[in-house]
Amino acid sequence: MKRILIYLIVLCIAFLQGGCTRSYIEDEEEPEQIVLSVLAGQSTSDAGVEDMIDEWMMEYFPGVILEWECVDWGDRFASQMRGRFAAGDIPDIMIGKAQDVQVYAKTGNLGTISSKCREKIVEEALGSVTVDGEMYGMPYNAWYQGVIYNKNIFEIYGLAPPSTMEELQDITHTLKQAGIVPFAAHFQESWKVANMTMQYMMNDIFKEDAIWGDKFREGSEGFLQNDSVRHCYLNNQFILENTWEDALQINQFESDSRFTQGEAAMYMTGSWSMQFANQYGKNIDFGIFPFPNQNGNAQLIRETNMTFMKSADTEYSELIDEIFYALLDDEKLTQEILDFTQSSSVVKGIVPIHESRIQDDIDRYEASGEIIDVTTGNAQLIWNFQNELAAQQLLWLKKEKTLDEVLQYADEHRAFSAYTKEK
């Protein structure tokens, strides 16, 4: 009995030692995981894309973990980028818009993207992410901006997309006479006012002078004495006067919801609003046209949206290039993201499978060359400046300031219209 007991004790010790040894070896052989920090500035339809990418990473890059920090692009991305740059705490990967490449590449904090990625991108999307001949951002999808309209309402009243402000005013009058709200709109958020204002300025200012912002900073151009700029600002007042009475109090969700239920005929917005329309406005035919400019030759606006950037100092530069290229090369994932965000492709050979409700009109404007890239204006007047002016505009629209005071404010703060390390 004693021998048996001793034998069992020896066996237990051997088992425990063997188990410990195997565990130690397994731990030693387990590859070390790489963690890449990601700062993602998300627009309204982007939230959730990070989960799709994480799931994809688990399959194709199982040894890499993406550590996400997702912030609202309109409210926090610019301040986060500036703060990180100032502190020297630059994320390995940054996801913003093409305009961010133009703003931040010259700071020296962005690394160049591999030529393999460049070869996967359509030509018209490359200019917005190229600085001094180098590609500093990888564009992934695109939106279109303009006036989305209810084709059913237009057909009932014999209306057609306008080319001039006079025609738009006539349409607005006809709709009001019929008891129909001409415009869906939401003015609760300053970003919306900033977006609308840049849409006007693209066709009234930057279409005619692509370096107007540089001239503004030099002092040869300004806001207060410029009739075209004043006209752009008055367009917001025009829409406010022809929308719901509570437009100053409602947000995007409420505005999108009402529009997709047929409660207004037109909506100064972008294709991001189609994400909601596709779910809840299935019985309505939609179209899109550019908001008319003073010359009657306005073009539909294209915005390269999700754009991947990398730190110039990351120790994983080659790995990040591999990930970027794999993202472009995976048609299944790309199609899923395009469908989820209701956006258009900038990747060669990939045409969205989803049926965008405004795609026919987009294709027509593209085919006729009636497209203008908003990166031009957004690089000339940075987002922080636009958003600050939008906050001032809201005070005017609420009758708490005069328009002249808002335009004067812009002139007095012209030094803040471009990014510098000091600001």
Protein backbone atom coordinates (compact mmCIF):
# COMPACT_ATOMS: atom_id res chain seq x y z
CA MET A 1 0.00 0.00 0.00
CA LYS A 2 2.81 2.32 0.88
CA ARG A 3 4.55 1.54 -2.43
CA ILE A 4 1.37 2.26 -4.36
CA LEU A 5 0.99 5.60 -2.58
CA ILE A 6 4.59 6.58 -3.37
CA TYR A 7 4.08 5.52 -6.99
CA LEU A 8 0.95 7.68 -7.31
CA ILE A 9 2.76 10.68 -5.82
CA VAL A 10 5.61 10.28 -8.32
CA LEU A 11 3.11 10.05 -11.17
CA CYS A 12 1.34 13.24 -10.04
CA ILE A 13 4.64 15.13 -9.79
CA ALA A 14 5.64 13.93 -13.24
CA PHE A 15 2.27 14.93 -14.65
CA LEU A 16 2.42 18.38 -13.12
CA GLN A 17 5.98 18.94 -14.32
CA GLY A 18 5.07 17.74 -17.78
CA GLY A 19 2.02 19.99 -17.88
CA CYS A 20 4.02 23.00 -16.78
CA THR A 21 6.71 22.25 -19.32
CA ARG A 22 4.23 21.96 -22.19
CA SER A 23 2.45 25.15 -21.16
CA TYR A 24 5.75 27.01 -20.98
CA ILE A 25 6.78 25.80 -24.43
CA GLU A 26 3.41 26.69 -25.91
CA ASP A 27 3.59 30.19 -24.43
CA GLU A 28 7.10 30.59 -25.72
CA GLU A 29 6.14 29.54 -29.26
CA GLU A 30 3.01 31.69 -29.42
CA PRO A 31 3.75 34.57 -31.80
CA GLU A 32 3.65 38.05 -30.39
CA GLN A 33 0.66 40.06 -31.59
CA ILE A 34 1.20 43.40 -33.26
CA VAL A 35 -1.06 46.24 -32.14
CA LEU A 36 -1.68 49.11 -34.55
CA SER A 37 -3.34 52.24 -33.20
CA VAL A 38 -6.11 53.66 -35.40
CA LEU A 39 -7.73 57.09 -35.19
CA ALA A 40 -10.89 56.99 -37.32
CA GLY A 41 -12.82 60.15 -38.09
CA GLN A 42 -16.25 58.82 -38.99
CA SER A 43 -18.94 60.53 -41.02
CA THR A 44 -22.62 59.84 -40.52
CA SER A 45 -22.78 56.56 -42.45
CA ASP A 46 -19.38 55.16 -41.39
CA ALA A 47 -20.07 53.92 -37.86
CA GLY A 48 -19.87 50.13 -37.96
CA VAL A 49 -17.25 49.89 -40.69
CA GLU A 50 -14.60 49.30 -38.01
CA ASP A 51 -16.37 46.08 -37.00
CA MET A 52 -16.39 44.89 -40.61
CA ILE A 53 -12.67 45.57 -40.92
CA ASP A 54 -11.91 43.87 -37.59
CA GLU A 55 -13.70 40.72 -38.70
CA TRP A 56 -11.75 40.78 -41.97
CA MET A 57 -8.45 41.33 -40.11
CA MET A 58 -9.05 38.24 -37.96
CA GLU A 59 -9.14 36.15 -41.12
CA TYR A 60 -6.34 37.71 -43.17
CA PHE A 61 -4.05 39.29 -40.55
CA PRO A 62 -4.68 37.18 -37.41
CA GLY A 63 -1.47 38.35 -35.75
CA VAL A 64 -2.45 42.03 -35.96
CA ILE A 65 -4.86 43.85 -33.67
CA LEU A 66 -6.31 47.23 -34.61
CA GLU A 67 -6.78 49.43 -31.56
CA TRP A 68 -9.57 51.77 -32.65
CA GLU A 69 -10.43 55.25 -31.48
CA CYS A 70 -13.50 56.33 -33.42
CA VAL A 71 -14.55 59.99 -33.28
CA ASP A 72 -17.03 62.12 -35.18
CA TRP A 73 -15.20 63.51 -38.17
CA GLY A 74 -17.06 66.82 -38.18
CA ASP A 75 -16.74 67.58 -34.47
CA ARG A 76 -13.56 65.96 -33.16
CA PHE A 77 -11.26 64.53 -35.81
CA ALA A 78 -9.39 67.74 -36.64
CA SER A 79 -8.78 68.59 -32.98
CA GLN A 80 -7.65 65.03 -32.28
CA MET A 81 -5.20 65.14 -35.19
CA ARG A 82 -3.76 68.46 -34.09
CA GLY A 83 -3.44 67.34 -30.50
CA ARG A 84 -1.72 64.10 -31.49
CA PHE A 85 0.68 65.90 -33.81
CA ALA A 86 1.55 68.46 -31.13
CA ALA A 87 2.19 65.72 -28.55
CA GLY A 88 4.14 63.52 -30.95
CA ASP A 89 1.61 60.76 -30.29
CA ILE A 90 0.69 59.99 -33.88
CA PRO A 91 -1.49 56.91 -34.52
CA ASP A 92 -0.11 54.22 -36.81
CA ILE A 93 -3.19 54.56 -39.02
CA MET A 94 -5.54 57.50 -39.49
CA ILE A 95 -8.83 57.35 -41.39
CA GLY A 96 -10.32 60.64 -42.51
CA LYS A 97 -11.21 62.25 -45.81
CA ALA A 98 -9.14 63.14 -48.86
CA GLN A 99 -9.13 66.78 -47.76
CA ASP A 100 -7.23 65.72 -44.62
CA VAL A 101 -4.36 64.52 -46.79
CA GLN A 102 -4.07 67.96 -48.36
CA VAL A 103 -4.12 69.61 -44.94
CA TYR A 104 -1.75 67.33 -43.00
CA ALA A 105 0.73 65.94 -45.54
CA LYS A 106 2.78 69.14 -45.49
CA THR A 107 3.30 68.83 -41.73
CA GLY A 108 5.64 65.89 -42.32
CA ASN A 109 3.57 63.61 -40.09
CA LEU A 110 2.07 61.45 -42.84
CA GLY A 111 3.96 58.64 -44.55
CA THR A 112 3.77 57.94 -48.27
CA ILE A 113 1.58 55.11 -49.52
CA SER A 114 3.06 52.33 -51.67
CA SER A 115 2.89 52.52 -55.46
CA LYS A 116 1.06 49.16 -55.44
CA CYS A 117 -1.89 50.89 -53.80
CA ARG A 118 -1.76 53.76 -56.27
CA GLU A 119 -2.18 51.31 -59.14
CA LYS A 120 -5.48 50.10 -57.65
CA ILE A 121 -7.11 53.56 -57.48
CA VAL A 122 -9.03 55.25 -60.31
CA GLU A 123 -7.26 58.25 -61.78
CA GLU A 124 -9.84 60.86 -60.75
CA ALA A 125 -9.39 60.00 -57.05
CA LEU A 126 -5.59 60.26 -57.02
CA GLY A 127 -5.25 64.03 -57.28
CA SER A 128 -7.02 64.63 -53.99
CA VAL A 129 -4.55 62.44 -52.06
CA THR A 130 -1.36 63.48 -53.86
CA VAL A 131 0.95 66.23 -52.60
CA ASP A 132 4.12 67.20 -54.47
CA GLY A 133 3.87 64.06 -56.57
CA GLU A 134 3.63 61.67 -53.60
CA MET A 135 0.55 59.75 -52.48
CA TYR A 136 -0.13 60.33 -48.76
CA GLY A 137 -3.57 58.80 -48.49
CA MET A 138 -5.40 55.75 -49.79
CA PRO A 139 -8.92 56.70 -50.92
CA TYR A 140 -11.52 53.99 -50.47
CA ASN A 141 -14.94 55.33 -51.42
CA ALA A 142 -16.74 58.47 -52.57
CA TRP A 143 -19.93 60.40 -51.99
CA TYR A 144 -21.81 62.86 -54.18
CA GLN A 145 -23.30 66.09 -52.91
CA GLY A 146 -26.11 68.23 -54.23
CA VAL A 147 -29.89 68.48 -54.01
CA ILE A 148 -31.53 65.07 -53.68
CA TYR A 149 -35.12 65.37 -54.85
CA ASN A 150 -38.35 63.39 -54.83
CA LYS A 151 -38.95 62.51 -58.48
CA ASN A 152 -42.54 61.52 -57.77
CA ILE A 153 -43.41 65.00 -56.53
CA PHE A 154 -41.56 66.65 -59.41
CA GLU A 155 -43.44 64.49 -61.92
CA ILE A 156 -46.85 65.25 -60.42
CA TYR A 157 -46.30 69.00 -60.77
CA GLY A 158 -44.42 68.92 -64.06
CA LEU A 159 -41.14 70.10 -62.55
CA ALA A 160 -37.60 69.52 -63.83
CA PRO A 161 -34.19 69.96 -62.14
CA PRO A 162 -33.23 73.66 -62.30
CA SER A 163 -30.05 75.17 -63.73
CA THR A 164 -30.51 78.70 -62.38
CA MET A 165 -31.60 80.25 -59.10
CA GLU A 166 -34.59 81.79 -60.89
CA GLU A 167 -35.74 78.31 -61.93
CA LEU A 168 -35.22 77.00 -58.39
CA GLN A 169 -37.23 79.89 -56.98
CA ASP A 170 -40.06 79.12 -59.43
CA ILE A 171 -40.03 75.46 -58.34
CA THR A 172 -40.14 76.53 -54.70
CA HIS A 173 -43.09 78.82 -55.39
CA THR A 174 -45.01 76.07 -57.22
CA LEU A 175 -44.47 73.62 -54.37
CA LYS A 176 -45.54 76.08 -51.69
CA GLN A 177 -48.68 76.92 -53.66
CA ALA A 178 -49.47 73.19 -53.67
CA GLY A 179 -48.94 72.94 -49.91
CA ILE A 180 -45.69 70.98 -50.20
CA VAL A 181 -42.60 71.83 -48.14
CA PRO A 182 -39.91 72.62 -50.74
CA PHE A 183 -36.81 71.66 -48.72
CA ALA A 184 -35.94 69.15 -46.06
CA ALA A 185 -33.31 70.71 -43.79
CA HIS A 186 -31.75 70.47 -40.35
CA PHE A 187 -29.84 73.31 -38.73
CA GLN A 188 -29.26 71.91 -35.26
CA GLU A 189 -25.66 70.92 -36.09
CA SER A 190 -23.09 73.41 -37.34
CA TRP A 191 -21.45 70.79 -39.60
CA LYS A 192 -24.57 70.75 -41.77
CA VAL A 193 -24.42 74.50 -42.34
CA ALA A 194 -20.70 74.20 -43.11
CA ASN A 195 -21.35 71.44 -45.63
CA MET A 196 -24.10 73.36 -47.41
CA THR A 197 -22.01 76.52 -47.53
CA MET A 198 -19.06 74.73 -49.11
CA GLN A 199 -21.38 73.22 -51.71
CA TYR A 200 -22.40 76.73 -52.76
CA MET A 201 -18.84 78.02 -52.64
CA MET A 202 -17.53 75.16 -54.78
CA ASN A 203 -19.68 76.25 -57.72
CA ASP A 204 -19.71 80.00 -57.13
CA ILE A 205 -16.14 80.56 -55.87
CA PHE A 206 -13.71 77.66 -56.29
CA LYS A 207 -15.02 76.59 -59.69
CA GLU A 208 -13.84 79.95 -60.98
CA ASP A 209 -10.72 80.31 -58.82
CA ALA A 210 -9.16 77.16 -57.33
CA ILE A 211 -6.73 79.17 -55.16
CA TRP A 212 -9.24 81.65 -53.78
CA GLY A 213 -8.37 80.60 -50.24
CA ASP A 214 -4.71 81.47 -50.75
CA LYS A 215 -5.73 84.91 -52.01
CA PHE A 216 -8.02 85.28 -49.01
CA ARG A 217 -5.12 84.68 -46.63
CA GLU A 218 -2.94 87.09 -48.58
CA GLY A 219 -5.62 89.77 -48.23
CA SER A 220 -6.53 90.24 -51.89
CA GLU A 221 -9.86 88.43 -51.37
CA GLY A 222 -12.32 88.57 -48.52
CA PHE A 223 -15.78 87.65 -47.31
CA LEU A 224 -17.41 90.95 -46.37
CA GLN A 225 -16.92 92.78 -49.66
CA ASN A 226 -17.41 89.76 -51.92
CA ASP A 227 -20.88 89.59 -53.49
CA SER A 228 -20.43 85.95 -54.51
CA VAL A 229 -19.61 84.89 -50.95
CA ARG A 230 -22.58 86.87 -49.66
CA HIS A 231 -24.78 85.11 -52.22
CA CYS A 232 -23.57 81.73 -50.94
CA TYR A 233 -24.50 82.62 -47.38
CA LEU A 234 -27.91 83.92 -48.45
CA ASN A 235 -28.63 80.53 -50.00
CA ASN A 236 -28.80 79.10 -46.47
CA GLN A 237 -31.37 81.73 -45.55
CA PHE A 238 -33.33 80.82 -48.70
CA ILE A 239 -33.49 77.17 -47.64
CA LEU A 240 -34.39 78.06 -44.05
CA GLU A 241 -37.29 80.18 -45.32
CA ASN A 242 -38.56 77.26 -47.41
CA THR A 243 -38.36 74.34 -45.01
CA TRP A 244 -40.09 73.19 -41.84
CA GLU A 245 -40.69 75.74 -39.12
CA ASP A 246 -38.65 73.73 -36.62
CA ALA A 247 -35.62 73.20 -38.90
CA LEU A 248 -33.34 75.09 -36.50
CA GLN A 249 -34.14 72.57 -33.76
CA ILE A 250 -34.02 69.21 -35.56
CA ASN A 251 -31.07 66.94 -36.34
CA GLN A 252 -30.07 64.87 -39.34
CA PHE A 253 -31.94 61.75 -38.26
CA GLU A 254 -35.23 63.62 -38.01
CA SER A 255 -34.66 65.42 -41.31
CA ASP A 256 -33.70 62.22 -43.15
CA SER A 257 -36.73 60.48 -41.68
CA ARG A 258 -39.19 63.15 -42.79
CA PHE A 259 -37.70 63.39 -46.26
CA THR A 260 -37.88 59.65 -46.86
CA GLN A 261 -41.55 59.77 -45.83
CA GLY A 262 -42.26 62.30 -48.57
CA GLU A 263 -42.63 65.32 -46.27
CA ALA A 264 -40.46 67.57 -48.48
CA ALA A 265 -39.57 67.68 -52.16
CA MET A 266 -35.83 68.51 -52.06
CA TYR A 267 -32.91 68.01 -49.71
CA MET A 268 -29.58 69.84 -49.88
CA THR A 269 -27.37 67.00 -48.72
CA GLY A 270 -25.19 64.15 -49.99
CA SER A 271 -25.47 60.49 -50.88
CA TRP A 272 -24.93 59.61 -47.19
CA SER A 273 -28.64 60.39 -46.70
CA MET A 274 -29.47 57.53 -49.06
CA GLN A 275 -28.43 55.08 -46.33
CA PHE A 276 -31.63 56.02 -44.53
CA ALA A 277 -33.71 56.43 -47.70
CA ASN A 278 -32.87 52.93 -48.91
CA GLN A 279 -34.25 51.45 -45.71
CA TYR A 280 -37.37 53.53 -45.24
CA GLY A 281 -38.22 55.31 -48.50
CA LYS A 282 -38.54 52.34 -50.83
CA ASN A 283 -41.67 53.62 -52.59
CA ILE A 284 -40.08 56.91 -53.63
CA ASP A 285 -37.96 57.56 -56.71
CA PHE A 286 -35.05 59.88 -55.95
CA GLY A 287 -32.72 61.93 -58.12
CA ILE A 288 -29.93 64.44 -57.57
CA PHE A 289 -28.87 67.74 -59.14
CA PRO A 290 -26.32 70.42 -58.18
CA PHE A 291 -27.61 73.47 -56.33
CA PRO A 292 -27.66 76.21 -59.01
CA ASN A 293 -24.88 78.79 -59.04
CA GLN A 294 -25.01 82.37 -60.30
CA ASN A 295 -23.68 81.45 -63.75
CA GLY A 296 -26.10 78.59 -64.34
CA ASN A 297 -23.30 76.04 -64.85
CA ALA A 298 -23.13 74.29 -61.48
CA GLN A 299 -21.61 70.81 -61.36
CA LEU A 300 -22.40 67.84 -59.16
CA ILE A 301 -19.93 67.61 -56.27
CA ARG A 302 -17.81 64.54 -55.62
CA GLU A 303 -16.21 63.95 -52.21
CA THR A 304 -13.63 61.24 -51.66
CA ASN A 305 -14.72 60.06 -48.24
CA MET A 306 -12.95 57.24 -46.36
CA THR A 307 -9.23 57.83 -46.82
CA PHE A 308 -6.55 55.79 -45.05
CA MET A 309 -3.33 57.48 -43.93
CA LYS A 310 -0.32 56.24 -41.98
CA SER A 311 2.19 57.83 -39.65
CA ALA A 312 5.52 58.84 -41.12
CA ASP A 313 7.17 57.40 -38.00
CA THR A 314 5.34 54.10 -37.57
CA GLU A 315 7.60 51.09 -37.17
CA TYR A 316 5.10 49.01 -39.15
CA SER A 317 5.08 50.97 -42.40
CA GLU A 318 5.47 47.96 -44.70
CA LEU A 319 2.85 45.97 -42.81
CA ILE A 320 0.39 48.84 -43.06
CA ASP A 321 0.99 49.06 -46.81
CA GLU A 322 0.24 45.33 -47.01
CA ILE A 323 -3.01 45.83 -45.10
CA PHE A 324 -4.00 48.80 -47.26
CA TYR A 325 -3.35 46.88 -50.46
CA ALA A 326 -5.27 43.85 -49.18
CA LEU A 327 -8.24 46.10 -48.39
CA LEU A 328 -8.24 47.36 -51.97
CA ASP A 329 -7.78 43.87 -53.36
CA ASP A 330 -10.67 42.27 -51.47
CA GLU A 331 -13.72 42.87 -53.65
CA LYS A 332 -16.12 41.14 -51.26
CA LEU A 333 -15.23 43.40 -48.33
CA THR A 334 -15.18 46.49 -50.53
CA GLN A 335 -18.65 45.70 -51.87
CA GLU A 336 -19.96 45.16 -48.35
CA ILE A 337 -18.60 48.52 -47.18
CA LEU A 338 -19.89 50.32 -50.28
CA ASP A 339 -23.33 48.85 -49.71
CA PHE A 340 -23.30 49.64 -45.99
CA THR A 341 -22.23 53.27 -46.50
CA GLN A 342 -24.20 53.75 -49.74
CA SER A 343 -21.09 55.13 -51.38
CA SER A 344 -19.35 54.82 -54.73
CA SER A 345 -16.12 53.00 -55.49
CA VAL A 346 -12.75 54.58 -56.23
CA VAL A 347 -11.09 51.17 -56.67
CA LYS A 348 -10.35 50.08 -60.22
CA GLY A 349 -12.59 47.33 -61.50
CA ILE A 350 -15.06 47.49 -58.63
CA VAL A 351 -18.54 48.74 -59.43
CA PRO A 352 -20.95 48.81 -56.48
CA ILE A 353 -23.44 45.96 -56.58
CA HIS A 354 -25.97 47.91 -54.55
CA GLU A 355 -28.54 49.87 -56.49
CA SER A 356 -28.17 53.49 -55.40
CA ARG A 357 -31.44 55.33 -55.87
CA ILE A 358 -29.62 58.29 -57.40
CA GLN A 359 -27.03 56.35 -59.43
CA ASP A 360 -28.57 57.06 -62.85
CA ASP A 361 -28.22 60.80 -62.30
CA ILE A 362 -24.69 60.43 -60.92
CA ASP A 363 -23.68 58.40 -63.98
CA ARG A 364 -25.15 61.05 -66.27
CA TYR A 365 -23.19 63.87 -64.63
CA GLU A 366 -20.02 61.77 -64.63
CA ALA A 367 -20.42 60.87 -68.32
CA SER A 368 -20.89 64.51 -69.31
CA GLY A 369 -17.95 65.70 -67.19
CA GLU A 370 -20.19 67.82 -64.96
CA ILE A 371 -18.40 66.87 -61.74
CA ILE A 372 -16.31 69.01 -59.41
CA ASP A 373 -14.15 67.64 -56.58
CA VAL A 374 -14.83 69.28 -53.22
CA THR A 375 -11.26 68.60 -52.08
CA THR A 376 -10.28 71.82 -53.86
CA GLY A 377 -12.37 73.98 -51.56
CA ASN A 378 -11.77 71.94 -48.44
CA ALA A 379 -8.00 72.19 -48.88
CA GLN A 380 -8.25 75.96 -49.37
CA LEU A 381 -10.42 76.55 -46.29
CA ILE A 382 -9.82 73.90 -43.63
CA TRP A 383 -12.72 72.22 -41.86
CA ASN A 384 -12.17 73.88 -38.47
CA PHE A 385 -12.50 77.29 -40.10
CA GLN A 386 -15.59 76.25 -42.07
CA ASN A 387 -17.25 74.83 -38.97
CA GLU A 388 -16.48 77.90 -36.88
CA LEU A 389 -18.01 80.14 -39.55
CA ALA A 390 -21.03 77.83 -39.64
CA ALA A 391 -21.52 78.37 -35.90
CA GLN A 392 -21.45 82.12 -36.58
CA GLN A 393 -23.93 81.65 -39.43
CA LEU A 394 -26.34 79.90 -37.10
CA LEU A 395 -26.33 82.99 -34.89
CA TRP A 396 -27.29 85.02 -37.96
CA LEU A 397 -29.99 82.55 -39.04
CA LYS A 398 -31.40 82.76 -35.50
CA LYS A 399 -31.36 86.58 -35.84
CA GLU A 400 -28.78 86.98 -33.09
CA LYS A 401 -26.18 88.49 -35.44
CA THR A 402 -26.19 90.31 -38.76
CA LEU A 403 -24.79 88.76 -41.92
CA ASP A 404 -22.22 91.55 -42.13
CA GLU A 405 -20.97 90.65 -38.65
CA VAL A 406 -20.53 87.02 -39.71
CA LEU A 407 -18.65 87.95 -42.89
CA GLN A 408 -16.49 90.41 -40.95
CA TYR A 409 -15.72 87.65 -38.44
CA ALA A 410 -14.44 85.50 -41.31
CA ASP A 411 -12.14 88.27 -42.52
CA GLU A 412 -10.80 88.88 -39.03
CA HIS A 413 -9.96 85.19 -38.61
CA ARG A 414 -8.49 84.54 -42.04
CA ALA A 415 -5.19 83.39 -40.52
CA PHE A 416 -7.01 80.34 -39.14
CA SER A 417 -8.31 79.22 -42.53
CA ALA A 418 -5.23 77.04 -43.19
CA TYR A 419 -3.45 74.56 -40.95
CA THR A 420 -0.12 75.47 -39.38
CA LYS A 421 1.67 73.81 -36.49
CA GLU A 422 1.17 76.92 -34.40
CA LYS A 423 -2.63 76.97 -34.71
